[in-house]
Each structure stands twice: as structure tokens, then as C-alpha cells.
């Protein structure tokens, strides 16, 4: 995932397929992508899975990733107020027991013209069925959940200015239990 700093440097965040400890890797280009630094470890754990980083319209950066070294049993959203120098806020989209067999992966982030942040990802249950999750929000740092137990597959929950939550899970037209933020 690529993001450009205010000074024009491009930062690449990527998965780590090398030796332990598994971390998100970072490489920097100071010449508009012509050349790149060697990839170095960040402090963020990652089990060699996809990473998505986006610069928001307000200048903050948001990252979606699996923040464990060995499994994809949890997906975090991180927020940086200083162009990735540190990641001050972390919230979980999903966090499951390491042995649950549930995985979250392949995050993708966009910010729409109305400044909502949209995250999509895949969630695979312990039986191997794949669901698709979508989360839309105005803020990450002040997240609150409403009651999502009665939402139909075409519905959504809106609780401005906190969280506009849209979770769409399709498996034989049945809903699975949606866990709350931990």
C-alpha cells in the first residue's frame, strides 16, 4: 500500500514473508518512486497478510491490517496523526480467539467525497465459508456501537457522528453473530 507524505516522499507498507518476528514492512522513496529504500520492520505485528494505508482528506493516515504475528484472527484499524511516524489509535473490526478458525483478511480502504471512511474485508468462518464485511465511519478515534442484532441484510445502522455501520454477511441467507469492538 502506498501513501504520499506532505514533503512528496512515498511510503510503501507491505507484508513480511521473511524471518520472525513478523512485522509490517516499510520502504521509502524520496524521488517519486524511482528508487526505494530497503524495506525495514515497523513495530506493527503482521502474519504476512495484506496491509492497506490511506491518507485521509484531513491529512491523517489510516491503516487496516492483521496485527498479530501468526494468525489472521483479528483485524485492526490504526490511525496516525503524524504521517505514519506513530499510530496513536487502534480499534478492532474483529478479534477472535487464536484457535477459533475465524480469519479476517484482504482489507481495502477508501474515503468518499462525503469524507466517510469505507473499509471492506473478507471474513472466513471456522467452517470455511467466506463472508464480506463493510464498515463505514466518520471517525475512528471515538467509535461507539449501536445494537446490530436486528439489522436485515440490506439495512444499515446510522449513529452520527460516531459510527455508520454496515455489515453485510451472505451465507445461505443467514446472519452470523456480529461481535462488538473489544
Protein backbone atom coordinates (compact mmCIF):
# COMPACT_ATOMS: atom_id res chain seq x y z
CA UNK A 1 0.00 0.00 0.00
CA UNK A 2 1.42 3.39 -0.98
CA UNK A 3 0.86 6.75 0.70
CA UNK A 4 2.48 10.12 -0.03
CA UNK A 5 3.80 12.40 2.69
CA UNK A 6 3.38 16.18 2.55
CA UNK A 7 7.06 16.52 1.56
CA UNK A 8 6.49 14.31 -1.53
CA UNK A 9 8.17 11.16 -0.17
CA UNK A 10 6.21 7.97 -0.87
CA UNK A 11 5.91 5.34 1.84
CA UNK A 12 5.20 1.72 0.90
CA UNK A 13 3.72 -0.54 3.59
CA UNK A 14 3.82 -4.25 2.84
CA UNK A 15 3.54 -7.75 4.28
CA UNK A 16 6.54 -9.55 5.74
CA UNK A 17 7.23 -13.00 4.29
CA UNK A 18 10.68 -13.24 5.83
CA UNK A 19 12.09 -14.28 9.18
CA UNK A 20 10.47 -13.75 12.57
CA UNK A 21 9.39 -11.53 14.12
CA UNK A 22 6.70 -10.85 11.53
CA UNK A 23 6.13 -7.10 11.17
CA UNK A 24 4.64 -4.75 8.61
CA UNK A 25 7.49 -3.61 6.41
CA UNK A 26 8.08 -0.03 5.28
CA UNK A 27 10.08 1.31 2.34
CA UNK A 28 10.57 4.98 1.40
CA UNK A 29 11.05 6.67 -1.96
CA UNK A 30 12.37 10.22 -1.96
CA UNK A 31 12.32 10.59 -5.75
CA UNK A 32 8.68 9.99 -6.75
CA UNK A 33 9.08 6.19 -6.83
CA UNK A 34 12.20 5.96 -9.00
CA UNK A 35 14.24 4.33 -6.21
CA UNK A 36 13.29 2.79 -2.86
CA UNK A 37 15.00 2.19 0.47
CA UNK A 38 15.44 -1.33 1.77
CA UNK A 39 12.25 -2.49 3.47
CA UNK A 40 12.53 -2.28 7.25
CA UNK A 41 10.36 -3.58 10.07
CA UNK A 42 7.83 -1.30 11.70
CA UNK A 43 6.64 -2.01 15.25
CA UNK A 44 3.30 -3.35 13.96
CA UNK A 45 2.97 -7.17 14.03
CA UNK A 46 1.67 -8.83 10.86
CA UNK A 47 1.31 -12.52 9.84
CA UNK A 48 2.36 -11.91 6.23
CA UNK A 49 -1.07 -10.60 5.26
CA UNK A 50 -2.41 -7.64 3.30
CA UNK A 51 -2.00 -4.12 4.62
CA UNK A 52 -3.95 -1.07 3.49
CA UNK A 53 -2.97 2.53 4.28
CA UNK A 54 -4.83 5.65 3.19
CA UNK A 55 -4.16 9.35 3.62
CA UNK A 56 -7.39 10.99 4.73
CA UNK A 57 -8.55 14.38 3.46
CA UNK A 58 -7.67 15.92 6.84
CA UNK A 59 -4.06 14.71 6.45
CA UNK A 60 -4.26 11.86 8.98
CA UNK A 61 -3.35 8.33 7.89
CA UNK A 62 -5.46 5.24 8.49
CA UNK A 63 -4.26 1.63 8.30
CA UNK A 64 -6.20 -1.64 8.23
CA UNK A 65 -4.23 -4.79 8.99
CA UNK A 66 -3.98 -8.06 10.89
CA UNK A 67 -1.90 -7.02 13.89
CA UNK A 68 -0.70 -10.45 15.03
CA UNK A 69 2.45 -12.37 14.14
CA UNK A 70 0.93 -15.75 13.38
CA UNK A 71 -2.80 -15.64 12.58
CA UNK A 72 -5.41 -13.54 10.83
CA UNK A 73 -7.84 -13.89 13.74
CA UNK A 74 -8.06 -10.15 14.30
CA UNK A 75 -8.16 -7.04 12.14
CA UNK A 76 -7.29 -3.62 13.46
CA UNK A 77 -7.80 -0.10 12.23
CA UNK A 78 -4.95 2.21 13.24
CA UNK A 79 -4.83 5.98 12.98
CA UNK A 80 -1.73 8.18 12.67
CA UNK A 81 -1.73 11.95 13.19
CA UNK A 82 1.94 12.33 12.12
CA UNK A 83 2.22 10.67 8.69
CA UNK A 84 2.92 7.17 10.00
CA UNK A 85 5.65 8.09 12.47
CA UNK A 86 3.43 6.59 15.17
CA UNK A 87 -0.02 5.01 15.21
CA UNK A 88 -1.86 6.53 18.18
CA UNK A 89 -5.33 4.97 17.87
CA UNK A 90 -6.20 1.29 17.43
CA UNK A 91 -9.70 -0.19 17.17
CA UNK A 92 -10.65 -3.73 16.18
CA UNK A 93 -13.02 -4.58 13.36
CA UNK A 94 -12.95 -8.15 14.65
CA UNK A 95 -10.95 -10.00 17.26
CA UNK A 96 -11.36 -13.75 17.67
CA UNK A 97 -9.61 -16.41 19.71
CA UNK A 98 -6.43 -17.64 18.04
CA UNK A 99 -7.82 -21.17 17.75
CA UNK A 100 -11.32 -20.14 16.60
CA UNK A 101 -10.66 -20.89 12.93
CA UNK A 102 -12.11 -17.47 12.01
CA UNK A 103 -9.96 -15.26 9.79
CA UNK A 104 -10.22 -11.67 8.62
CA UNK A 105 -8.17 -10.63 5.62
CA UNK A 106 -7.68 -8.52 2.48
CA UNK A 107 -8.65 -5.07 3.79
CA UNK A 108 -9.30 -2.20 1.42
CA UNK A 109 -9.90 1.44 2.41
CA UNK A 110 -11.32 4.46 0.61
CA UNK A 111 -12.63 7.84 1.71
CA UNK A 112 -15.67 9.01 -0.22
CA UNK A 113 -16.45 12.60 -1.22
CA UNK A 114 -18.67 12.96 1.88
CA UNK A 115 -15.50 12.15 3.90
CA UNK A 116 -16.78 8.82 5.19
CA UNK A 117 -14.11 6.15 5.55
CA UNK A 118 -15.08 2.81 4.00
CA UNK A 119 -13.35 -0.48 4.83
CA UNK A 120 -14.04 -3.77 3.10
CA UNK A 121 -12.52 -7.10 4.06
CA UNK A 122 -13.09 -10.86 3.89
CA UNK A 123 -14.07 -12.90 6.92
CA UNK A 124 -13.89 -16.69 6.80
CA UNK A 125 -15.71 -18.67 9.48
CA UNK A 126 -14.48 -21.89 11.09
CA UNK A 127 -16.41 -23.96 8.50
CA UNK A 128 -14.52 -22.22 5.71
CA UNK A 129 -17.44 -20.10 4.47
CA UNK A 130 -16.41 -16.64 3.34
CA UNK A 131 -18.34 -13.53 4.30
CA UNK A 132 -17.79 -9.96 3.18
CA UNK A 133 -17.65 -7.15 5.70
CA UNK A 134 -18.08 -3.45 5.11
CA UNK A 135 -17.57 -0.76 7.73
CA UNK A 136 -18.19 2.95 7.08
CA UNK A 137 -17.36 5.63 9.59
CA UNK A 138 -16.76 9.32 10.11
CA UNK A 139 -14.34 8.89 12.99
CA UNK A 140 -12.12 6.06 14.15
CA UNK A 141 -10.94 7.50 17.46
CA UNK A 142 -14.41 7.86 19.00
CA UNK A 143 -16.17 4.64 17.97
CA UNK A 144 -19.44 3.53 19.55
CA UNK A 145 -21.58 0.59 18.55
CA UNK A 146 -25.32 0.51 18.38
CA UNK A 147 -27.47 -2.62 18.52
CA UNK A 148 -26.85 -4.55 15.30
CA UNK A 149 -28.84 -7.66 16.19
CA UNK A 150 -31.96 -6.72 14.18
CA UNK A 151 -30.37 -5.37 11.01
CA UNK A 152 -31.52 -7.03 7.80
CA UNK A 153 -29.07 -7.85 5.05
CA UNK A 154 -29.96 -4.70 3.09
CA UNK A 155 -30.10 -2.42 6.12
CA UNK A 156 -27.65 -0.26 7.96
CA UNK A 157 -27.25 1.38 11.31
CA UNK A 158 -26.59 5.10 11.44
CA UNK A 159 -25.42 6.78 14.62
CA UNK A 160 -23.74 10.07 13.61
CA UNK A 161 -21.25 11.42 14.49
CA UNK A 162 -19.93 8.11 15.76
CA UNK A 163 -20.24 5.10 13.56
CA UNK A 164 -22.20 4.38 10.45
CA UNK A 165 -22.06 0.65 10.48
CA UNK A 166 -22.85 -1.58 7.55
CA UNK A 167 -22.01 -5.26 7.85
CA UNK A 168 -23.14 -7.50 5.04
CA UNK A 169 -22.68 -11.23 5.60
CA UNK A 170 -24.05 -13.60 2.96
CA UNK A 171 -24.04 -17.33 3.68
CA UNK A 172 -27.18 -19.18 2.66
CA UNK A 173 -29.15 -16.05 3.57
CA UNK A 174 -28.36 -16.46 7.25
CA UNK A 175 -26.77 -13.94 9.58
CA UNK A 176 -23.91 -14.87 11.80
CA UNK A 177 -23.29 -13.28 15.14
CA UNK A 178 -21.55 -9.92 14.87
CA UNK A 179 -19.08 -9.32 17.66
CA UNK A 180 -18.58 -5.94 19.25
CA UNK A 181 -15.36 -3.99 19.49
CA UNK A 182 -13.04 -5.37 22.15
